PDB file of N, CA and C in Angstrom:
ATOM      1  N   MET A   1       4.496 -14.328 -19.131  1.00  0.00           N
ATOM      2  CA  MET A   1       4.015 -14.191 -17.667  1.00  0.00           C
ATOM      3  C   MET A   1       4.408 -13.160 -16.977  1.00  0.00           C
ATOM      4  N   ASP A   2       3.634 -11.849 -16.970  1.00  0.00           N
ATOM      5  CA  ASP A   2       4.500 -10.687 -16.143  1.00  0.00           C
ATOM      6  C   ASP A   2       4.235 -10.681 -14.629  1.00  0.00           C
ATOM      7  N   CYS A   3       4.810 -10.202 -13.931  1.00  0.00           N
ATOM      8  CA  CYS A   3       5.215 -10.369 -12.519  1.00  0.00           C
ATOM      9  C   CYS A   3       5.067  -8.641 -12.388  1.00  0.00           C
ATOM     10  N   TYR A   4       4.317  -8.624 -11.344  1.00  0.00           N
ATOM     11  CA  TYR A   4       4.389  -7.218 -10.435  1.00  0.00           C
ATOM     12  C   TYR A   4       4.746  -6.951  -9.313  1.00  0.00           C
ATOM     13  N   VAL A   5       5.576  -6.076  -9.128  1.00  0.00           N
ATOM     14  CA  VAL A   5       5.828  -5.524  -7.672  1.00  0.00           C
ATOM     15  C   VAL A   5       5.297  -4.509  -7.517  1.00  0.00           C
ATOM     16  N   TYR A   6       4.536  -3.902  -6.133  1.00  0.00           N
ATOM     17  CA  TYR A   6       3.687  -2.750  -5.641  1.00  0.00           C
ATOM     18  C   TYR A   6       4.166  -2.647  -4.029  1.00  0.00           C
ATOM     19  N   VAL A   7       3.675  -1.242  -4.089  1.00  0.00           N
ATOM     20  CA  VAL A   7       3.638  -1.085  -2.800  1.00  0.00           C
ATOM     21  C   VAL A   7       2.774  -0.065  -2.241  1.00  0.00           C
ATOM     22  N   LEU A   8       1.704  -0.539  -1.086  1.00  0.00           N
ATOM     23  CA  LEU A   8       0.670  -0.107  -0.982  1.00  0.00           C
ATOM     24  C   LEU A   8       1.060   0.579   0.088  1.00  0.00           C
ATOM     25  N   GLY A   9       0.006   1.556   0.299  1.00  0.00           N
ATOM     26  CA  GLY A   9      -0.209   2.801   1.550  1.00  0.00           C
ATOM     27  C   GLY A   9      -1.231   2.970   2.300  1.00  0.00           C
ATOM     28  N   SER A  10      -1.211   2.904   3.790  1.00  0.00           N
ATOM     29  CA  SER A  10      -2.211   3.397   4.607  1.00  0.00           C
ATOM     30  C   SER A  10      -1.973   4.521   5.452  1.00  0.00           C
ATOM     31  N   SER A  11      -2.772   4.716   6.078  1.00  0.00           N
ATOM     32  CA  SER A  11      -2.634   5.670   7.287  1.00  0.00           C
ATOM     33  C   SER A  11      -4.085   5.468   7.924  1.00  0.00           C
ATOM     34  N   GLY A  12      -3.676   5.269   9.572  1.00  0.00           N
ATOM     35  CA  GLY A  12      -4.154   5.457  10.461  1.00  0.00           C
ATOM     36  C   GLY A  12      -4.146   5.803  11.628  1.00  0.00           C
ATOM     37  N   LYS A  13      -4.827   5.235  12.678  1.00  0.00           N
ATOM     38  CA  LYS A  13      -4.068   5.562  14.208  1.00  0.00           C
ATOM     39  C   LYS A  13      -2.438   5.801  14.449  1.00  0.00           C
ATOM     40  N   GLY A  14      -1.758   4.369  13.338  1.00  0.00           N
ATOM     41  CA  GLY A  14      -0.250   4.351  14.096  1.00  0.00           C
ATOM     42  C   GLY A  14       0.172   5.466  13.232  1.00  0.00           C
ATOM     43  N   GLY A  15      -0.063   5.733  12.001  1.00  0.00           N
ATOM     44  CA  GLY A  15       0.951   6.800  11.642  1.00  0.00           C
ATOM     45  C   GLY A  15       0.581   6.391  10.151  1.00  0.00           C
ATOM     46  N   ALA A  16       0.776   6.378   8.922  1.00  0.00           N
ATOM     47  CA  ALA A  16       0.981   5.822   7.810  1.00  0.00           C
ATOM     48  C   ALA A  16       1.781   4.550   7.732  1.00  0.00           C
ATOM     49  N   ARG A  17       1.955   3.765   6.688  1.00  0.00           N
ATOM     50  CA  ARG A  17       2.427   2.671   6.628  1.00  0.00           C
ATOM     51  C   ARG A  17       2.420   2.030   5.116  1.00  0.00           C
ATOM     52  N   THR A  18       3.302   1.289   4.637  1.00  0.00           N
ATOM     53  CA  THR A  18       3.764   0.920   3.273  1.00  0.00           C
ATOM     54  C   THR A  18       3.719  -0.995   3.698  1.00  0.00           C
ATOM     55  N   TYR A  19       3.372  -1.246   2.234  1.00  0.00           N
ATOM     56  CA  TYR A  19       3.730  -2.581   2.332  1.00  0.00           C
ATOM     57  C   TYR A  19       3.903  -2.711   0.933  1.00  0.00           C
ATOM     58  N   VAL A  20       5.208  -3.877   0.748  1.00  0.00           N
ATOM     59  CA  VAL A  20       5.373  -4.191  -0.719  1.00  0.00           C
ATOM     60  C   VAL A  20       5.312  -5.602  -0.830  1.00  0.00           C
ATOM     61  N   GLY A  21       5.133  -5.994  -1.763  1.00  0.00           N
ATOM     62  CA  GLY A  21       4.647  -7.247  -2.456  1.00  0.00           C
ATOM     63  C   GLY A  21       5.369  -7.441  -3.756  1.00  0.00           C
ATOM     64  N   TRP A  22       4.283  -8.484  -4.412  1.00  0.00           N
ATOM     65  CA  TRP A  22       4.714  -9.057  -5.638  1.00  0.00           C
ATOM     66  C   TRP A  22       3.555  -9.830  -6.240  1.00  0.00           C
ATOM     67  N   THR A  23       2.825  -9.742  -7.280  1.00  0.00           N
ATOM     68  CA  THR A  23       1.949 -10.336  -7.688  1.00  0.00           C
ATOM     69  C   THR A  23       2.017 -10.840  -9.147  1.00  0.00           C
ATOM     70  N   LEU A  24       0.906 -11.657  -9.665  1.00  0.00           N
ATOM     71  CA  LEU A  24       0.320 -11.819 -11.649  1.00  0.00           C
ATOM     72  C   LEU A  24      -0.283 -10.681 -11.542  1.00  0.00           C
ATOM     73  N   ASP A  25      -1.496 -10.283 -10.387  1.00  0.00           N
ATOM     74  CA  ASP A  25      -2.643  -9.716 -10.765  1.00  0.00           C
ATOM     75  C   ASP A  25      -2.727  -9.056  -9.702  1.00  0.00           C
ATOM     76  N   LEU A  26      -1.946  -7.616 -10.178  1.00  0.00           N
ATOM     77  CA  LEU A  26      -2.360  -6.186  -8.807  1.00  0.00           C
ATOM     78  C   LEU A  26      -3.991  -6.168  -8.367  1.00  0.00           C
ATOM     79  N   ASP A  27      -5.304  -6.065  -9.600  1.00  0.00           N
ATOM     80  CA  ASP A  27      -6.504  -5.398  -8.859  1.00  0.00           C
ATOM     81  C   ASP A  27      -6.805  -6.972  -7.935  1.00  0.00           C
ATOM     82  N   ARG A  28      -6.673  -8.088  -8.099  1.00  0.00           N
ATOM     83  CA  ARG A  28      -6.783  -9.003  -7.371  1.00  0.00           C
ATOM     84  C   ARG A  28      -6.581  -8.796  -5.905  1.00  0.00           C
ATOM     85  N   ARG A  29      -4.992  -8.670  -6.175  1.00  0.00           N
ATOM     86  CA  ARG A  29      -4.165  -8.805  -4.580  1.00  0.00           C
ATOM     87  C   ARG A  29      -4.307  -7.453  -3.984  1.00  0.00           C
ATOM     88  N   LEU A  30      -4.515  -6.730  -4.428  1.00  0.00           N
ATOM     89  CA  LEU A  30      -5.545  -5.362  -3.769  1.00  0.00           C
ATOM     90  C   LEU A  30      -6.777  -5.713  -2.932  1.00  0.00           C
ATOM     91  N   ALA A  31      -7.465  -6.186  -4.078  1.00  0.00           N
ATOM     92  CA  ALA A  31      -8.782  -6.719  -3.543  1.00  0.00           C
ATOM     93  C   ALA A  31      -8.632  -7.345  -2.478  1.00  0.00           C
ATOM     94  N   GLN A  32      -7.494  -8.265  -1.933  1.00  0.00           N
ATOM     95  CA  GLN A  32      -7.447  -9.320  -1.284  1.00  0.00           C
ATOM     96  C   GLN A  32      -6.811  -8.524  -0.520  1.00  0.00           C
ATOM     97  N   HIS A  33      -5.873  -7.719   0.073  1.00  0.00           N
ATOM     98  CA  HIS A  33      -5.301  -7.002   0.827  1.00  0.00           C
ATOM     99  C   HIS A  33      -6.619  -6.326   1.702  1.00  0.00           C
ATOM    100  N   ASN A  34      -7.364  -5.269   1.189  1.00  0.00           N
ATOM    101  CA  ASN A  34      -8.210  -4.916   1.551  1.00  0.00           C
ATOM    102  C   ASN A  34      -9.763  -5.857   1.958  1.00  0.00           C
ATOM    103  N   ALA A  35      -9.728  -6.634   1.562  1.00  0.00           N
ATOM    104  CA  ALA A  35     -10.956  -7.877   2.368  1.00  0.00           C
ATOM    105  C   ALA A  35     -10.012  -8.525   3.550  1.00  0.00           C
ATOM    106  N   GLY A  36      -9.226  -8.290   3.963  1.00  0.00           N
ATOM    107  CA  GLY A  36      -8.682  -8.998   5.319  1.00  0.00           C
ATOM    108  C   GLY A  36      -8.247 -10.438   4.678  1.00  0.00           C
ATOM    109  N   ARG A  37      -7.845 -11.015   3.372  1.00  0.00           N
ATOM    110  CA  ARG A  37      -7.492 -11.797   2.744  1.00  0.00           C
ATOM    111  C   ARG A  37      -5.548 -12.053   2.692  1.00  0.00           C
ATOM    112  N   GLY A  38      -5.570 -10.561   2.759  1.00  0.00           N
ATOM    113  CA  GLY A  38      -4.152 -10.713   2.369  1.00  0.00           C
ATOM    114  C   GLY A  38      -2.834 -10.738   3.257  1.00  0.00           C
ATOM    115  N   ALA A  39      -1.572 -10.102   3.668  1.00  0.00           N
ATOM    116  CA  ALA A  39      -0.724 -10.947   4.287  1.00  0.00           C
ATOM    117  C   ALA A  39      -1.258 -10.203   5.604  1.00  0.00           C
ATOM    118  N   ARG A  40      -0.718 -10.682   6.672  1.00  0.00           N
ATOM    119  CA  ARG A  40      -1.266 -10.576   7.702  1.00  0.00           C
ATOM    120  C   ARG A  40      -0.820  -9.077   8.528  1.00  0.00           C
ATOM    121  N   SER A  41      -0.117  -8.784   7.996  1.00  0.00           N
ATOM    122  CA  SER A  41       0.349  -7.174   8.735  1.00  0.00           C
ATOM    123  C   SER A  41      -0.156  -6.136   7.783  1.00  0.00           C
ATOM    124  N   THR A  42      -1.181  -6.734   6.678  1.00  0.00           N
ATOM    125  CA  THR A  42      -1.719  -5.314   6.132  1.00  0.00           C
ATOM    126  C   THR A  42      -3.219  -5.605   6.712  1.00  0.00           C
ATOM    127  N   ARG A  43      -3.909  -6.699   7.594  1.00  0.00           N
ATOM    128  CA  ARG A  43      -4.867  -6.929   7.580  1.00  0.00           C
ATOM    129  C   ARG A  43      -5.427  -5.752   8.504  1.00  0.00           C
ATOM    130  N   GLY A  44      -6.982  -5.175   8.442  1.00  0.00           N
ATOM    131  CA  GLY A  44      -8.135  -4.195   9.466  1.00  0.00           C
ATOM    132  C   GLY A  44      -7.199  -2.866   9.219  1.00  0.00           C
ATOM    133  N   ARG A  45      -6.566  -3.059   7.705  1.00  0.00           N
ATOM    134  CA  ARG A  45      -6.290  -1.125   7.337  1.00  0.00           C
ATOM    135  C   ARG A  45      -6.895  -1.132   5.589  1.00  0.00           C
ATOM    136  N   ALA A  46      -7.344  -0.037   5.560  1.00  0.00           N
ATOM    137  CA  ALA A  46      -7.720   0.330   4.351  1.00  0.00           C
ATOM    138  C   ALA A  46      -6.294   0.481   3.094  1.00  0.00           C
ATOM    139  N   TRP A  47      -6.247   0.297   2.185  1.00  0.00           N
ATOM    140  CA  TRP A  47      -4.772   0.362   1.579  1.00  0.00           C
ATOM    141  C   TRP A  47      -5.002   0.809   0.040  1.00  0.00           C
ATOM    142  N   VAL A  48      -4.007   1.521  -0.242  1.00  0.00           N
ATOM    143  CA  VAL A  48      -4.371   1.826  -1.878  1.00  0.00           C
ATOM    144  C   VAL A  48      -2.449   1.953  -2.411  1.00  0.00           C
ATOM    145  N   LEU A  49      -2.788   1.543  -3.900  1.00  0.00           N
ATOM    146  CA  LEU A  49      -1.752   0.899  -4.477  1.00  0.00           C
ATOM    147  C   LEU A  49      -0.819   2.632  -4.751  1.00  0.00           C
ATOM    148  N   LEU A  50      -0.295   2.771  -4.279  1.00  0.00           N
ATOM    149  CA  LEU A  50       1.278   4.100  -4.116  1.00  0.00           C
ATOM    150  C   LEU A  50       1.930   3.482  -5.253  1.00  0.00           C
ATOM    151  N   HIS A  51       2.608   2.150  -5.741  1.00  0.00           N
ATOM    152  CA  HIS A  51       3.603   2.239  -6.821  1.00  0.00           C
ATOM    153  C   HIS A  51       3.694   0.611  -7.195  1.00  0.00           C
ATOM    154  N   SER A  52       3.988   0.484  -8.562  1.00  0.00           N
ATOM    155  CA  SER A  52       3.917  -0.609  -9.531  1.00  0.00           C
ATOM    156  C   SER A  52       5.027  -0.672 -10.224  1.00  0.00           C
ATOM    157  N   GLU A  53       5.198  -1.525 -10.432  1.00  0.00           N
ATOM    158  CA  GLU A  53       6.701  -2.079 -11.507  1.00  0.00           C
ATOM    159  C   GLU A  53       6.306  -3.484 -12.219  1.00  0.00           C
ATOM    160  N   ARG A  54       6.414  -3.307 -13.349  1.00  0.00           N
ATOM    161  CA  ARG A  54       6.417  -4.894 -14.089  1.00  0.00           C
ATOM    162  C   ARG A  54       7.675  -5.513 -14.759  1.00  0.00           C
ATOM    163  N   PHE A  55       7.624  -6.897 -14.551  1.00  0.00           N
ATOM    164  CA  PHE A  55       8.892  -7.590 -14.835  1.00  0.00           C
ATOM    165  C   PHE A  55       8.481  -8.635 -15.113  1.00  0.00           C
ATOM    166  N   PRO A  56       9.018  -8.838 -16.168  1.00  0.00           N
ATOM    167  CA  PRO A  56       8.934 -10.352 -16.931  1.00  0.00           C
ATOM    168  C   PRO A  56       9.165 -11.371 -16.474  1.00  0.00           C
ATOM    169  N   THR A  57       9.651 -11.868 -15.917  1.00  0.00           N
ATOM    170  CA  THR A  57       9.753 -13.194 -14.707  1.00  0.00           C
ATOM    171  C   THR A  57       9.724 -13.398 -13.355  1.00  0.00           C
ATOM    172  N   ARG A  58       9.498 -13.928 -12.530  1.00  0.00           N
ATOM    173  CA  ARG A  58       9.026 -14.301 -11.639  1.00  0.00           C
ATOM    174  C   ARG A  58      10.458 -13.625 -10.428  1.00  0.00           C
ATOM    175  N   ASN A  59      11.469 -14.404 -10.854  1.00  0.00           N
ATOM    176  CA  ASN A  59      12.844 -14.172 -10.161  1.00  0.00           C
ATOM    177  C   ASN A  59      13.085 -12.690 -10.425  1.00  0.00           C
ATOM    178  N   GLU A  60      13.258 -11.497 -11.533  1.00  0.00           N
ATOM    179  CA  GLU A  60      12.960 -10.551 -11.373  1.00  0.00           C
ATOM    180  C   GLU A  60      12.165  -9.467 -10.914  1.00  0.00           C
ATOM    181  N   ALA A  61      10.773  -9.685 -10.393  1.00  0.00           N
ATOM    182  CA  ALA A  61      10.101  -9.586  -9.504  1.00  0.00           C
ATOM    183  C   ALA A  61      10.120  -9.570  -8.140  1.00  0.00           C
ATOM    184  N   MET A  62      10.491 -10.659  -7.780  1.00  0.00           N
ATOM    185  CA  MET A  62      11.240 -11.012  -6.390  1.00  0.00           C
ATOM    186  C   MET A  62      12.404 -10.676  -5.666  1.00  0.00           C
ATOM    187  N   SER A  63      13.143  -9.979  -6.866  1.00  0.00           N
ATOM    188  CA  SER A  63      14.608  -9.692  -6.688  1.00  0.00           C
ATOM    189  C   SER A  63      14.283  -8.302  -6.049  1.00  0.00           C
ATOM    190  N   ARG A  64      13.535  -7.428  -7.505  1.00  0.00           N
ATOM    191  CA  ARG A  64      12.925  -6.087  -6.857  1.00  0.00           C
ATOM    192  C   ARG A  64      12.032  -6.157  -5.621  1.00  0.00           C
ATOM    193  N   GLU A  65      11.566  -7.066  -5.229  1.00  0.00           N
ATOM    194  CA  GLU A  65      10.373  -6.618  -4.096  1.00  0.00           C
ATOM    195  C   GLU A  65      11.935  -6.490  -2.873  1.00  0.00           C
ATOM    196  N   TRP A  66      12.384  -7.313  -2.595  1.00  0.00           N
ATOM    197  CA  TRP A  66      13.907  -7.712  -1.685  1.00  0.00           C
ATOM    198  C   TRP A  66      14.115  -6.495  -1.925  1.00  0.00           C
ATOM    199  N   HIS A  67      14.287  -5.744  -2.581  1.00  0.00           N
ATOM    200  CA  HIS A  67      15.174  -4.080  -2.320  1.00  0.00           C
ATOM    201  C   HIS A  67      14.569  -3.359  -2.178  1.00  0.00           C
ATOM    202  N   LEU A  68      12.987  -3.007  -2.516  1.00  0.00           N
ATOM    203  CA  LEU A  68      12.506  -2.681  -2.351  1.00  0.00           C
ATOM    204  C   LEU A  68      11.707  -2.216  -1.108  1.00  0.00           C
ATOM    205  N   LYS A  69      11.942  -3.815  -0.109  1.00  0.00           N
ATOM    206  CA  LYS A  69      11.848  -3.860   1.041  1.00  0.00           C
ATOM    207  C   LYS A  69      12.736  -3.170   2.070  1.00  0.00           C
ATOM    208  N   ARG A  70      14.088  -3.317   1.281  1.00  0.00           N
ATOM    209  CA  ARG A  70      14.950  -2.514   2.306  1.00  0.00           C
ATOM    210  C   ARG A  70      15.106  -0.826   2.413  1.00  0.00           C
ATOM    211  N   ASP A  71      14.086  -0.619   1.199  1.00  0.00           N
ATOM    212  CA  ASP A  71      14.690   0.987   0.636  1.00  0.00           C
ATOM    213  C   ASP A  71      13.144   1.971   1.314  1.00  0.00           C
ATOM    214  N   ARG A  72      13.853   2.106   2.677  1.00  0.00           N
ATOM    215  CA  ARG A  72      12.893   2.821   3.606  1.00  0.00           C
ATOM    216  C   ARG A  72      12.557   4.532   3.069  1.00  0.00           C
ATOM    217  N   THR A  73      13.657   5.184   2.731  1.00  0.00           N
ATOM    218  CA  THR A  73      13.618   6.465   2.202  1.00  0.00           C
ATOM    219  C   THR A  73      12.548   6.589   1.296  1.00  0.00           C
ATOM    220  N   PHE A  74      12.612   5.780  -0.280  1.00  0.00           N
ATOM    221  CA  PHE A  74      12.057   4.986  -1.155  1.00  0.00           C
ATOM    222  C   PHE A  74      10.520   5.254  -0.626  1.00  0.00           C
ATOM    223  N   ARG A  75      10.319   4.447   0.105  1.00  0.00           N
ATOM    224  CA  ARG A  75       8.655   3.975   0.793  1.00  0.00           C
ATOM    225  C   ARG A  75       8.519   5.554   1.344  1.00  0.00           C
ATOM    226  N   LYS A  76       8.942   5.810   2.446  1.00  0.00           N
ATOM    227  CA  LYS A  76       8.847   6.819   3.229  1.00  0.00           C
ATOM    228  C   LYS A  76       7.977   8.349   2.254  1.00  0.00           C
ATOM    229  N   THR A  77       8.772   8.238   0.982  1.00  0.00           N
ATOM    230  CA  THR A  77       8.476   9.300   0.278  1.00  0.00           C
ATOM    231  C   THR A  77       7.537   8.803  -0.370  1.00  0.00           C
ATOM    232  N   LEU A  78       7.036   7.835  -0.545  1.00  0.00           N
ATOM    233  CA  LEU A  78       5.839   7.478  -1.602  1.00  0.00           C
ATOM    234  C   LEU A  78       4.313   7.862  -0.404  1.00  0.00           C
ATOM    235  N   SER A  79       4.997   7.271   0.793  1.00  0.00           N
ATOM    236  CA  SER A  79       3.647   7.413   1.825  1.00  0.00           C
ATOM    237  C   SER A  79       3.484   9.042   2.380  1.00  0.00           C
ATOM    238  N   GLN A  80       4.042   9.552   1.586  1.00  0.00           N
ATOM    239  CA  GLN A  80       4.154  10.963   1.968  1.00  0.00           C
ATOM    240  C   GLN A  80       2.543  11.422   1.582  1.00  0.00           C
ATOM    241  N   GLY A  81       2.313  11.152   0.315  1.00  0.00           N
ATOM    242  CA  GLY A  81       0.869  11.493   0.140  1.00  0.00           C
ATOM    243  C   GLY A  81      -0.441  11.062   0.863  1.00  0.00           C
ATOM    244  N   LEU A  82      -0.040  10.200   1.334  1.00  0.00           N
ATOM    245  CA  LEU A  82      -1.291   9.523   1.687  1.00  0.00           C
ATOM    246  C   LEU A  82      -2.284  10.816   2.651  1.00  0.00           C
ATOM    247  N   PRO A  83      -2.956  10.511   3.067  1.00  0.00           N
ATOM    248  CA  PRO A  83      -3.643  11.846   3.990  1.00  0.00           C
ATOM    249  C   PRO A  83      -3.601  11.452   5.273  1.00  0.00           C
ATOM    250  N   ALA A  84      -3.529  12.446   6.624  1.00  0.00           N
ATOM    251  CA  ALA A  84      -3.061  12.156   7.880  1.00  0.00           C
ATOM    252  C   ALA A  84      -4.261  11.675   8.378  1.00  0.00           C
ATOM    253  N   THR A  85      -4.543  11.146   9.346  1.00  0.00           N
ATOM    254  CA  THR A  85      -5.731  11.078  10.564  1.00  0.00           C
ATOM    255  C   THR A  85      -5.463  11.416  11.734  1.00  0.00           C
ATOM    256  N   ARG A  86      -6.467  11.703  12.166  1.00  0.00           N
ATOM    257  CA  ARG A  86      -6.510  11.317  13.722  1.00  0.00           C
ATOM    258  C   ARG A  86      -7.443   9.974  14.337  1.00  0.00           C
ATOM    259  N   PRO A  87      -7.188   9.670  15.429  1.00  0.00           N
ATOM    260  CA  PRO A  87      -7.892   8.650  16.337  1.00  0.00           C
ATOM    261  C   PRO A  87      -9.117   8.760  16.367  1.00  0.00           C
ATOM    262  N   GLY A  88     -10.213   7.958  15.803  1.00  0.00           N
ATOM    263  CA  GLY A  88     -11.809   8.258  16.043  1.00  0.00           C
ATOM    264  C   GLY A  88     -11.939   9.689  14.613  1.00  0.00           C
ATOM    265  N   LYS A  89     -11.282  10.227  13.899  1.00  0.00           N
ATOM    266  CA  LYS A  89     -11.681  11.254  13.317  1.00  0.00           C
ATOM    267  C   LYS A  89     -11.634  10.870  11.624  1.00  0.00           C
ATOM    268  N   ALA A  90     -11.948  11.718  11.057  1.00  0.00           N
ATOM    269  CA  ALA A  90     -11.582  11.587   9.399  1.00  0.00           C
ATOM    270  C   ALA A  90     -10.485  12.119   9.125  1.00  0.00           C
ATOM    271  N   PRO A  91      -9.963  11.072   8.281  1.00  0.00           N
ATOM    272  CA  PRO A  91      -8.586  11.781   7.432  1.00  0.00           C
ATOM    273  C   PRO A  91      -8.899  13.602   7.300  1.00  0.00           C
ATOM    274  N   LEU A  92      -7.328  14.202   7.732  1.00  0.00           N
ATOM    275  CA  LEU A  92      -7.597  15.165   7.484  1.00  0.00           C
ATOM    276  C   LEU A  92      -8.289  16.192   6.403  1.00  0.00           C
ATOM    277  N   SER A  93      -7.627  15.605   4.927  1.00  0.00           N
ATOM    278  CA  SER A  93      -8.094  15.872   3.910  1.00  0.00           C
ATOM    279  C   SER A  93      -8.954  15.930   3.701  1.00  0.00           C
ATOM    280  N   ALA A  94      -9.852  14.862   4.372  1.00  0.00           N
ATOM    281  CA  ALA A  94     -11.532  14.954   3.654  1.00  0.00           C
ATOM    282  C   ALA A  94     -12.392  15.576   3.357  1.00  0.00           C
ATOM    283  N   PRO A  95     -12.913  15.878   2.832  1.00  0.00           N
ATOM    284  CA  PRO A  95     -14.123  17.484   2.482  1.00  0.00           C
ATOM    285  C   PRO A  95     -14.820  16.928   3.869  1.00  0.00           C
ATOM    286  N   ARG A  96     -15.483  18.432   4.111  1.00  0.00           N
ATOM    287  CA  ARG A  96     -15.874  18.487   5.092  1.00  0.00           C
ATOM    288  C   ARG A  96     -17.783  19.116   4.359  1.00  0.00           C
ATOM    289  N   THR A  97     -18.665  18.065   4.878  1.00  0.00           N
ATOM    290  CA  THR A  97     -19.993  18.459   4.219  1.00  0.00           C
ATOM    291  C   THR A  97     -21.055  19.556   5.822  1.00  0.00           C
ATOM    292  N   PRO A  98     -21.223  20.530   5.217  1.00  0.00           N
ATOM    293  CA  PRO A  98     -21.871  21.421   6.167  1.00  0.00           C
ATOM    294  C   PRO A  98     -23.116  20.224   6.833  1.00  0.00           C
ATOM    295  N   SER A  99     -23.259  20.848   8.368  1.00  0.00           N
ATOM    296  CA  SER A  99     -23.955  20.311   9.218  1.00  0.00           C
ATOM    297  C   SER A  99     -25.462  21.643   8.868  1.00  0.00           C
ATOM    298  N   ARG A 100     -26.538  20.818   8.409  1.00  0.00           N
ATOM    299  CA  ARG A 100     -27.857  21.306   8.835  1.00  0.00           C
ATOM    300  C   ARG A 100     -28.312  21.222  10.175  1.00  0.00           C
TER     301      ARG A 100
END
């Protein structure tokens, strides 16, 4: 049974945020977070997968999760690739369509 540790990223009014967790199924877990059924701290945001690692046991995955949650430098580096947003506006990196 493979386990995965993952880092999610989201940018919004409060700036970029990251979330670290572990799961048996990455796709299902990301869908849960984006549907508002994930962890309480992830609700109300659109999340993208920034990083994942696979481990053979639950204990190894949980140990790595513990370390990643405390590694703010690593998480900040990952979140720098997220598009910046402005309150009430589209992401700054979003393509603009000409108005007619």
